[in-house]
Amino acid sequence: MPRGVAKEHLPSKTCAVCMRPFTWRKVWEKCWDEVTTCSDRCKSERKRIKQLTNKDNKQSNVPSPPPQQQQQQQQQQHVTGADN
């Protein structure tokens, strides 16, 4: 009698990055519920996109200096000749 499960009966999921189906692997035996990407490449791509998104959100949430401080900075630039 054969051991294991036939490959066509293994569970499968869709990759969150490339949207391709992938099947269960022995190395994912203990963490199959947490697996969301099909490969290391998709995992690193997902992390890269997440970092870029977080970076953009942080930059857009940075408050501008108070008007008085902006005025002082403009005056300092004008005095030093850095009028760029």
PDB file of N, CA and C in Angstrom:
ATOM      1  N   MET A   1       0.841  -1.180   0.000  1.00  0.00           N
ATOM      2  CA  MET A   1       0.000   0.000   0.000  1.00  0.00           C
ATOM      3  C   MET A   1       0.887   1.244   0.000  1.00  0.00           C
ATOM      4  N   PRO A   2       0.632   2.219  -0.892  1.00  0.00           N
ATOM      5  CA  PRO A   2       1.486   3.416  -0.980  1.00  0.00           C
ATOM      6  C   PRO A   2       1.325   4.326   0.233  1.00  0.00           C
ATOM      7  N   ARG A   3       2.432   4.974   0.585  1.00  0.00           N
ATOM      8  CA  ARG A   3       2.422   5.918   1.707  1.00  0.00           C
ATOM      9  C   ARG A   3       2.093   7.306   1.206  1.00  0.00           C
ATOM     10  N   GLY A   4       1.595   8.165   2.092  1.00  0.00           N
ATOM     11  CA  GLY A   4       1.370   9.559   1.749  1.00  0.00           C
ATOM     12  C   GLY A   4       0.081   9.790   0.982  1.00  0.00           C
ATOM     13  N   VAL A   5       0.014  10.967   0.390  1.00  0.00           N
ATOM     14  CA  VAL A   5      -1.174  11.404  -0.338  1.00  0.00           C
ATOM     15  C   VAL A   5      -0.784  11.664  -1.787  1.00  0.00           C
ATOM     16  N   ALA A   6      -1.654  11.305  -2.707  1.00  0.00           N
ATOM     17  CA  ALA A   6      -1.386  11.577  -4.120  1.00  0.00           C
ATOM     18  C   ALA A   6      -1.307  13.084  -4.335  1.00  0.00           C
ATOM     19  N   LYS A   7      -0.438  13.516  -5.226  1.00  0.00           N
ATOM     20  CA  LYS A   7      -0.212  14.947  -5.443  1.00  0.00           C
ATOM     21  C   LYS A   7      -1.476  15.695  -5.839  1.00  0.00           C
ATOM     22  N   GLU A   8      -2.358  15.054  -6.570  1.00  0.00           N
ATOM     23  CA  GLU A   8      -3.572  15.756  -6.981  1.00  0.00           C
ATOM     24  C   GLU A   8      -4.537  15.996  -5.820  1.00  0.00           C
ATOM     25  N   HIS A   9      -4.291  15.351  -4.674  1.00  0.00           N
ATOM     26  CA  HIS A   9      -5.159  15.525  -3.508  1.00  0.00           C
ATOM     27  C   HIS A   9      -4.551  16.442  -2.444  1.00  0.00           C
ATOM     28  N   LEU A  10      -3.409  17.043  -2.729  1.00  0.00           N
ATOM     29  CA  LEU A  10      -2.793  17.961  -1.768  1.00  0.00           C
ATOM     30  C   LEU A  10      -3.554  19.288  -1.749  1.00  0.00           C
ATOM     31  N   PRO A  11      -3.613  19.943  -0.594  1.00  0.00           N
ATOM     32  CA  PRO A  11      -4.283  21.244  -0.542  1.00  0.00           C
ATOM     33  C   PRO A  11      -3.508  22.290  -1.337  1.00  0.00           C
ATOM     34  N   SER A  12      -4.218  23.292  -1.820  1.00  0.00           N
ATOM     35  CA  SER A  12      -3.557  24.359  -2.573  1.00  0.00           C
ATOM     36  C   SER A  12      -4.130  25.707  -2.160  1.00  0.00           C
ATOM     37  N   LYS A  13      -3.380  26.761  -2.465  1.00  0.00           N
ATOM     38  CA  LYS A  13      -3.766  28.147  -2.184  1.00  0.00           C
ATOM     39  C   LYS A  13      -3.381  28.992  -3.383  1.00  0.00           C
ATOM     40  N   THR A  14      -3.830  30.253  -3.376  1.00  0.00           N
ATOM     41  CA  THR A  14      -3.438  31.214  -4.400  1.00  0.00           C
ATOM     42  C   THR A  14      -2.451  32.189  -3.780  1.00  0.00           C
ATOM     43  N   CYS A  15      -1.350  32.434  -4.460  1.00  0.00           N
ATOM     44  CA  CYS A  15      -0.311  33.345  -3.973  1.00  0.00           C
ATOM     45  C   CYS A  15      -0.877  34.762  -3.883  1.00  0.00           C
ATOM     46  N   ALA A  16      -0.581  35.463  -2.782  1.00  0.00           N
ATOM     47  CA  ALA A  16      -1.081  36.820  -2.567  1.00  0.00           C
ATOM     48  C   ALA A  16      -0.395  37.837  -3.468  1.00  0.00           C
ATOM     49  N   VAL A  17       0.761  37.504  -4.043  1.00  0.00           N
ATOM     50  CA  VAL A  17       1.509  38.447  -4.875  1.00  0.00           C
ATOM     51  C   VAL A  17       1.261  38.193  -6.357  1.00  0.00           C
ATOM     52  N   CYS A  18       1.538  36.982  -6.814  1.00  0.00           N
ATOM     53  CA  CYS A  18       1.442  36.687  -8.251  1.00  0.00           C
ATOM     54  C   CYS A  18       0.102  36.073  -8.649  1.00  0.00           C
ATOM     55  N   MET A  19      -0.733  35.755  -7.681  1.00  0.00           N
ATOM     56  CA  MET A  19      -2.075  35.207  -7.903  1.00  0.00           C
ATOM     57  C   MET A  19      -2.074  33.850  -8.612  1.00  0.00           C
ATOM     58  N   ARG A  20      -0.960  33.137  -8.552  1.00  0.00           N
ATOM     59  CA  ARG A  20      -0.897  31.799  -9.136  1.00  0.00           C
ATOM     60  C   ARG A  20      -1.159  30.768  -8.042  1.00  0.00           C
ATOM     61  N   PRO A  21      -1.737  29.631  -8.393  1.00  0.00           N
ATOM     62  CA  PRO A  21      -1.968  28.594  -7.393  1.00  0.00           C
ATOM     63  C   PRO A  21      -0.665  27.876  -7.031  1.00  0.00           C
ATOM     64  N   PHE A  22      -0.555  27.492  -5.769  1.00  0.00           N
ATOM     65  CA  PHE A  22       0.574  26.671  -5.342  1.00  0.00           C
ATOM     66  C   PHE A  22       0.058  25.620  -4.374  1.00  0.00           C
ATOM     67  N   THR A  23       0.763  24.493  -4.317  1.00  0.00           N
ATOM     68  CA  THR A  23       0.303  23.374  -3.499  1.00  0.00           C
ATOM     69  C   THR A  23       1.155  23.216  -2.251  1.00  0.00           C
ATOM     70  N   TRP A  24       0.617  22.467  -1.331  1.00  0.00           N
ATOM     71  CA  TRP A  24       1.237  22.187  -0.044  1.00  0.00           C
ATOM     72  C   TRP A  24       2.595  21.524  -0.231  1.00  0.00           C
ATOM     73  N   ARG A  25       3.550  21.907   0.611  1.00  0.00           N
ATOM     74  CA  ARG A  25       4.876  21.280   0.619  1.00  0.00           C
ATOM     75  C   ARG A  25       5.172  20.781   2.021  1.00  0.00           C
ATOM     76  N   LYS A  26       5.994  19.786   2.103  1.00  0.00           N
ATOM     77  CA  LYS A  26       6.332  19.171   3.390  1.00  0.00           C
ATOM     78  C   LYS A  26       6.913  20.196   4.367  1.00  0.00           C
ATOM     79  N   VAL A  27       7.726  21.133   3.879  1.00  0.00           N
ATOM     80  CA  VAL A  27       8.350  22.127   4.768  1.00  0.00           C
ATOM     81  C   VAL A  27       7.304  23.059   5.387  1.00  0.00           C
ATOM     82  N   TRP A  28       6.126  23.165   4.757  1.00  0.00           N
ATOM     83  CA  TRP A  28       5.049  24.015   5.279  1.00  0.00           C
ATOM     84  C   TRP A  28       4.088  23.233   6.176  1.00  0.00           C
ATOM     85  N   GLU A  29       4.452  22.025   6.543  1.00  0.00           N
ATOM     86  CA  GLU A  29       3.563  21.142   7.288  1.00  0.00           C
ATOM     87  C   GLU A  29       3.046  21.792   8.573  1.00  0.00           C
ATOM     88  N   LYS A  30       3.924  22.463   9.309  1.00  0.00           N
ATOM     89  CA  LYS A  30       3.536  23.037  10.603  1.00  0.00           C
ATOM     90  C   LYS A  30       2.985  24.451  10.497  1.00  0.00           C
ATOM     91  N   CYS A  31       3.199  25.122   9.376  1.00  0.00           N
ATOM     92  CA  CYS A  31       2.783  26.528   9.266  1.00  0.00           C
ATOM     93  C   CYS A  31       1.933  26.798   8.024  1.00  0.00           C
ATOM     94  N   TRP A  32       1.251  25.800   7.504  1.00  0.00           N
ATOM     95  CA  TRP A  32       0.487  25.951   6.265  1.00  0.00           C
ATOM     96  C   TRP A  32      -0.563  27.066   6.370  1.00  0.00           C
ATOM     97  N   ASP A  33      -1.149  27.266   7.539  1.00  0.00           N
ATOM     98  CA  ASP A  33      -2.171  28.305   7.703  1.00  0.00           C
ATOM     99  C   ASP A  33      -1.600  29.705   7.530  1.00  0.00           C
ATOM    100  N   GLU A  34      -0.316  29.902   7.849  1.00  0.00           N
ATOM    101  CA  GLU A  34       0.303  31.224   7.739  1.00  0.00           C
ATOM    102  C   GLU A  34       0.928  31.491   6.367  1.00  0.00           C
ATOM    103  N   VAL A  35       1.120  30.466   5.564  1.00  0.00           N
ATOM    104  CA  VAL A  35       1.764  30.631   4.256  1.00  0.00           C
ATOM    105  C   VAL A  35       0.822  31.391   3.322  1.00  0.00           C
ATOM    106  N   THR A  36       1.330  32.507   2.744  1.00  0.00           N
ATOM    107  CA  THR A  36       0.507  33.309   1.828  1.00  0.00           C
ATOM    108  C   THR A  36       1.169  33.512   0.467  1.00  0.00           C
ATOM    109  N   THR A  37       2.471  33.227   0.365  1.00  0.00           N
ATOM    110  CA  THR A  37       3.178  33.419  -0.899  1.00  0.00           C
ATOM    111  C   THR A  37       3.777  32.096  -1.363  1.00  0.00           C
ATOM    112  N   CYS A  38       3.943  31.967  -2.672  1.00  0.00           N
ATOM    113  CA  CYS A  38       4.381  30.697  -3.248  1.00  0.00           C
ATOM    114  C   CYS A  38       5.897  30.507  -3.234  1.00  0.00           C
ATOM    115  N   SER A  39       6.669  31.598  -3.111  1.00  0.00           N
ATOM    116  CA  SER A  39       8.123  31.475  -3.226  1.00  0.00           C
ATOM    117  C   SER A  39       8.819  32.586  -2.448  1.00  0.00           C
ATOM    118  N   ASP A  40      10.132  32.452  -2.316  1.00  0.00           N
ATOM    119  CA  ASP A  40      10.923  33.504  -1.667  1.00  0.00           C
ATOM    120  C   ASP A  40      10.865  34.790  -2.484  1.00  0.00           C
ATOM    121  N   ARG A  41      10.820  34.666  -3.791  1.00  0.00           N
ATOM    122  CA  ARG A  41      10.746  35.850  -4.648  1.00  0.00           C
ATOM    123  C   ARG A  41       9.461  36.641  -4.368  1.00  0.00           C
ATOM    124  N   CYS A  42       8.342  35.958  -4.302  1.00  0.00           N
ATOM    125  CA  CYS A  42       7.077  36.643  -4.022  1.00  0.00           C
ATOM    126  C   CYS A  42       7.073  37.213  -2.603  1.00  0.00           C
ATOM    127  N   LYS A  43       7.689  36.490  -1.668  1.00  0.00           N
ATOM    128  CA  LYS A  43       7.752  36.984  -0.294  1.00  0.00           C
ATOM    129  C   LYS A  43       8.567  38.270  -0.217  1.00  0.00           C
ATOM    130  N   SER A  44       9.704  38.317  -0.902  1.00  0.00           N
ATOM    131  CA  SER A  44      10.536  39.523  -0.870  1.00  0.00           C
ATOM    132  C   SER A  44       9.861  40.667  -1.623  1.00  0.00           C
ATOM    133  N   GLU A  45       9.149  40.369  -2.690  1.00  0.00           N
ATOM    134  CA  GLU A  45       8.413  41.399  -3.432  1.00  0.00           C
ATOM    135  C   GLU A  45       7.316  42.002  -2.552  1.00  0.00           C
ATOM    136  N   ARG A  46       6.633  41.157  -1.814  1.00  0.00           N
ATOM    137  CA  ARG A  46       5.578  41.630  -0.914  1.00  0.00           C
ATOM    138  C   ARG A  46       6.154  42.534   0.166  1.00  0.00           C
ATOM    139  N   LYS A  47       7.301  42.144   0.737  1.00  0.00           N
ATOM    140  CA  LYS A  47       7.954  42.967   1.755  1.00  0.00           C
ATOM    141  C   LYS A  47       8.410  44.301   1.174  1.00  0.00           C
ATOM    142  N   ARG A  48       8.928  44.281  -0.051  1.00  0.00           N
ATOM    143  CA  ARG A  48       9.399  45.508  -0.697  1.00  0.00           C
ATOM    144  C   ARG A  48       8.237  46.476  -0.918  1.00  0.00           C
ATOM    145  N   ILE A  49       7.130  45.966  -1.407  1.00  0.00           N
ATOM    146  CA  ILE A  49       5.952  46.804  -1.638  1.00  0.00           C
ATOM    147  C   ILE A  49       5.438  47.370  -0.318  1.00  0.00           C
ATOM    148  N   LYS A  50       5.437  46.542   0.710  1.00  0.00           N
ATOM    149  CA  LYS A  50       4.966  46.992   2.022  1.00  0.00           C
ATOM    150  C   LYS A  50       5.861  48.096   2.574  1.00  0.00           C
ATOM    151  N   GLN A  51       7.180  47.951   2.419  1.00  0.00           N
ATOM    152  CA  GLN A  51       8.114  48.975   2.896  1.00  0.00           C
ATOM    153  C   GLN A  51       7.928  50.279   2.141  1.00  0.00           C
ATOM    154  N   LEU A  52       7.736  50.204   0.826  1.00  0.00           N
ATOM    155  CA  LEU A  52       7.513  51.416   0.034  1.00  0.00           C
ATOM    156  C   LEU A  52       6.222  52.108   0.456  1.00  0.00           C
ATOM    157  N   THR A  53       5.194  51.334   0.699  1.00  0.00           N
ATOM    158  CA  THR A  53       3.915  51.899   1.124  1.00  0.00           C
ATOM    159  C   THR A  53       4.058  52.575   2.481  1.00  0.00           C
ATOM    160  N   ASN A  54       4.739  51.914   3.415  1.00  0.00           N
ATOM    161  CA  ASN A  54       4.944  52.499   4.742  1.00  0.00           C
ATOM    162  C   ASN A  54       5.779  53.767   4.651  1.00  0.00           C
ATOM    163  N   LYS A  55       6.792  53.765   3.798  1.00  0.00           N
ATOM    164  CA  LYS A  55       7.655  54.931   3.636  1.00  0.00           C
ATOM    165  C   LYS A  55       6.851  56.111   3.090  1.00  0.00           C
ATOM    166  N   ASP A  56       6.011  55.857   2.091  1.00  0.00           N
ATOM    167  CA  ASP A  56       5.173  56.912   1.514  1.00  0.00           C
ATOM    168  C   ASP A  56       4.190  57.453   2.540  1.00  0.00           C
ATOM    169  N   ASN A  57       3.608  56.569   3.346  1.00  0.00           N
ATOM    170  CA  ASN A  57       2.660  57.010   4.369  1.00  0.00           C
ATOM    171  C   ASN A  57       3.344  57.861   5.422  1.00  0.00           C
ATOM    172  N   LYS A  58       4.548  57.491   5.815  1.00  0.00           N
ATOM    173  CA  LYS A  58       5.278  58.268   6.816  1.00  0.00           C
ATOM    174  C   LYS A  58       5.614  59.649   6.280  1.00  0.00           C
ATOM    175  N   GLN A  59       6.011  59.737   5.015  1.00  0.00           N
ATOM    176  CA  GLN A  59       6.358  61.028   4.428  1.00  0.00           C
ATOM    177  C   GLN A  59       5.134  61.925   4.314  1.00  0.00           C
ATOM    178  N   SER A  60       3.988  61.376   4.004  1.00  0.00           N
ATOM    179  CA  SER A  60       2.791  62.201   3.851  1.00  0.00           C
ATOM    180  C   SER A  60       2.225  62.623   5.200  1.00  0.00           C
ATOM    181  N   ASN A  61       2.573  61.911   6.278  1.00  0.00           N
ATOM    182  CA  ASN A  61       2.068  62.248   7.603  1.00  0.00           C
ATOM    183  C   ASN A  61       2.996  63.168   8.379  1.00  0.00           C
ATOM    184  N   VAL A  62       4.125  63.562   7.796  1.00  0.00           N
ATOM    185  CA  VAL A  62       5.062  64.447   8.475  1.00  0.00           C
ATOM    186  C   VAL A  62       4.466  65.847   8.502  1.00  0.00           C
ATOM    187  N   PRO A  63       4.270  66.413   9.699  1.00  0.00           N
ATOM    188  CA  PRO A  63       3.680  67.749   9.769  1.00  0.00           C
ATOM    189  C   PRO A  63       4.667  68.806   9.296  1.00  0.00           C
ATOM    190  N   SER A  64       4.139  69.842   8.678  1.00  0.00           N
ATOM    191  CA  SER A  64       4.999  70.940   8.239  1.00  0.00           C
ATOM    192  C   SER A  64       5.307  71.827   9.438  1.00  0.00           C
ATOM    193  N   PRO A  65       6.454  72.517   9.412  1.00  0.00           N
ATOM    194  CA  PRO A  65       6.808  73.380  10.536  1.00  0.00           C
ATOM    195  C   PRO A  65       5.819  74.540  10.652  1.00  0.00           C
ATOM    196  N   PRO A  66       5.690  75.113  11.844  1.00  0.00           N
ATOM    197  CA  PRO A  66       4.785  76.240  12.028  1.00  0.00           C
ATOM    198  C   PRO A  66       5.172  77.397  11.106  1.00  0.00           C
ATOM    199  N   PRO A  67       4.215  78.266  10.726  1.00  0.00           N
ATOM    200  CA  PRO A  67       4.491  79.358   9.787  1.00  0.00           C
ATOM    201  C   PRO A  67       5.647  80.252  10.224  1.00  0.00           C
ATOM    202  N   GLN A  68       5.776  80.506  11.519  1.00  0.00           N
ATOM    203  CA  GLN A  68       6.856  81.365  12.004  1.00  0.00           C
ATOM    204  C   GLN A  68       8.214  80.713  11.718  1.00  0.00           C
ATOM    205  N   GLN A  69       8.314  79.414  11.935  1.00  0.00           N
ATOM    206  CA  GLN A  69       9.565  78.701  11.688  1.00  0.00           C
ATOM    207  C   GLN A  69       9.864  78.669  10.186  1.00  0.00           C
ATOM    208  N   GLN A  70       8.847  78.502   9.350  1.00  0.00           N
ATOM    209  CA  GLN A  70       9.042  78.523   7.900  1.00  0.00           C
ATOM    210  C   GLN A  70       9.585  79.879   7.459  1.00  0.00           C
ATOM    211  N   GLN A  71       9.045  80.939   8.044  1.00  0.00           N
ATOM    212  CA  GLN A  71       9.476  82.288   7.694  1.00  0.00           C
ATOM    213  C   GLN A  71      10.937  82.492   8.083  1.00  0.00           C
ATOM    214  N   GLN A  72      11.336  81.997   9.256  1.00  0.00           N
ATOM    215  CA  GLN A  72      12.725  82.126   9.702  1.00  0.00           C
ATOM    216  C   GLN A  72      13.658  81.365   8.763  1.00  0.00           C
ATOM    217  N   GLN A  73      13.249  80.168   8.334  1.00  0.00           N
ATOM    218  CA  GLN A  73      14.073  79.377   7.426  1.00  0.00           C
ATOM    219  C   GLN A  73      14.244  80.093   6.093  1.00  0.00           C
ATOM    220  N   GLN A  74      13.182  80.705   5.604  1.00  0.00           N
ATOM    221  CA  GLN A  74      13.264  81.436   4.344  1.00  0.00           C
ATOM    222  C   GLN A  74      14.195  82.632   4.473  1.00  0.00           C
ATOM    223  N   GLN A  75      14.142  83.317   5.606  1.00  0.00           N
ATOM    224  CA  GLN A  75      15.014  84.467   5.823  1.00  0.00           C
ATOM    225  C   GLN A  75      16.470  84.026   5.882  1.00  0.00           C
ATOM    226  N   GLN A  76      16.746  82.915   6.549  1.00  0.00           N
ATOM    227  CA  GLN A  76      18.114  82.414   6.650  1.00  0.00           C
ATOM    228  C   GLN A  76      18.634  82.029   5.266  1.00  0.00           C
ATOM    229  N   GLN A  77      17.814  81.412   4.451  1.00  0.00           N
ATOM    230  CA  GLN A  77      18.228  81.034   3.106  1.00  0.00           C
ATOM    231  C   GLN A  77      18.516  82.271   2.270  1.00  0.00           C
ATOM    232  N   HIS A  78      17.717  83.294   2.436  1.00  0.00           N
ATOM    233  CA  HIS A  78      17.893  84.530   1.677  1.00  0.00           C
ATOM    234  C   HIS A  78      19.194  85.227   2.079  1.00  0.00           C
ATOM    235  N   VAL A  79      19.492  85.236   3.380  1.00  0.00           N
ATOM    236  CA  VAL A  79      20.700  85.892   3.883  1.00  0.00           C
ATOM    237  C   VAL A  79      21.946  85.144   3.431  1.00  0.00           C
ATOM    238  N   THR A  80      21.911  83.822   3.449  1.00  0.00           N
ATOM    239  CA  THR A  80      23.087  83.036   3.086  1.00  0.00           C
ATOM    240  C   THR A  80      23.246  82.889   1.577  1.00  0.00           C
ATOM    241  N   GLY A  81      22.250  83.289   0.824  1.00  0.00           N
ATOM    242  CA  GLY A  81      22.351  83.201  -0.633  1.00  0.00           C
ATOM    243  C   GLY A  81      21.927  81.860  -1.183  1.00  0.00           C
ATOM    244  N   ALA A  82      21.360  81.005  -0.357  1.00  0.00           N
ATOM    245  CA  ALA A  82      20.872  79.703  -0.817  1.00  0.00           C
ATOM    246  C   ALA A  82      19.412  79.857  -1.207  1.00  0.00           C
ATOM    247  N   ASP A  83      19.169  80.529  -2.289  1.00  0.00           N
ATOM    248  CA  ASP A  83      17.818  80.878  -2.713  1.00  0.00           C
ATOM    249  C   ASP A  83      17.218  79.835  -3.650  1.00  0.00           C
ATOM    250  N   ASN A  84      17.736  78.618  -3.644  1.00  0.00           N
ATOM    251  CA  ASN A  84      17.289  77.567  -4.560  1.00  0.00           C
ATOM    252  C   ASN A  84      15.894  77.207  -4.227  1.00  0.00           C
TER     253      ASN A  84
END
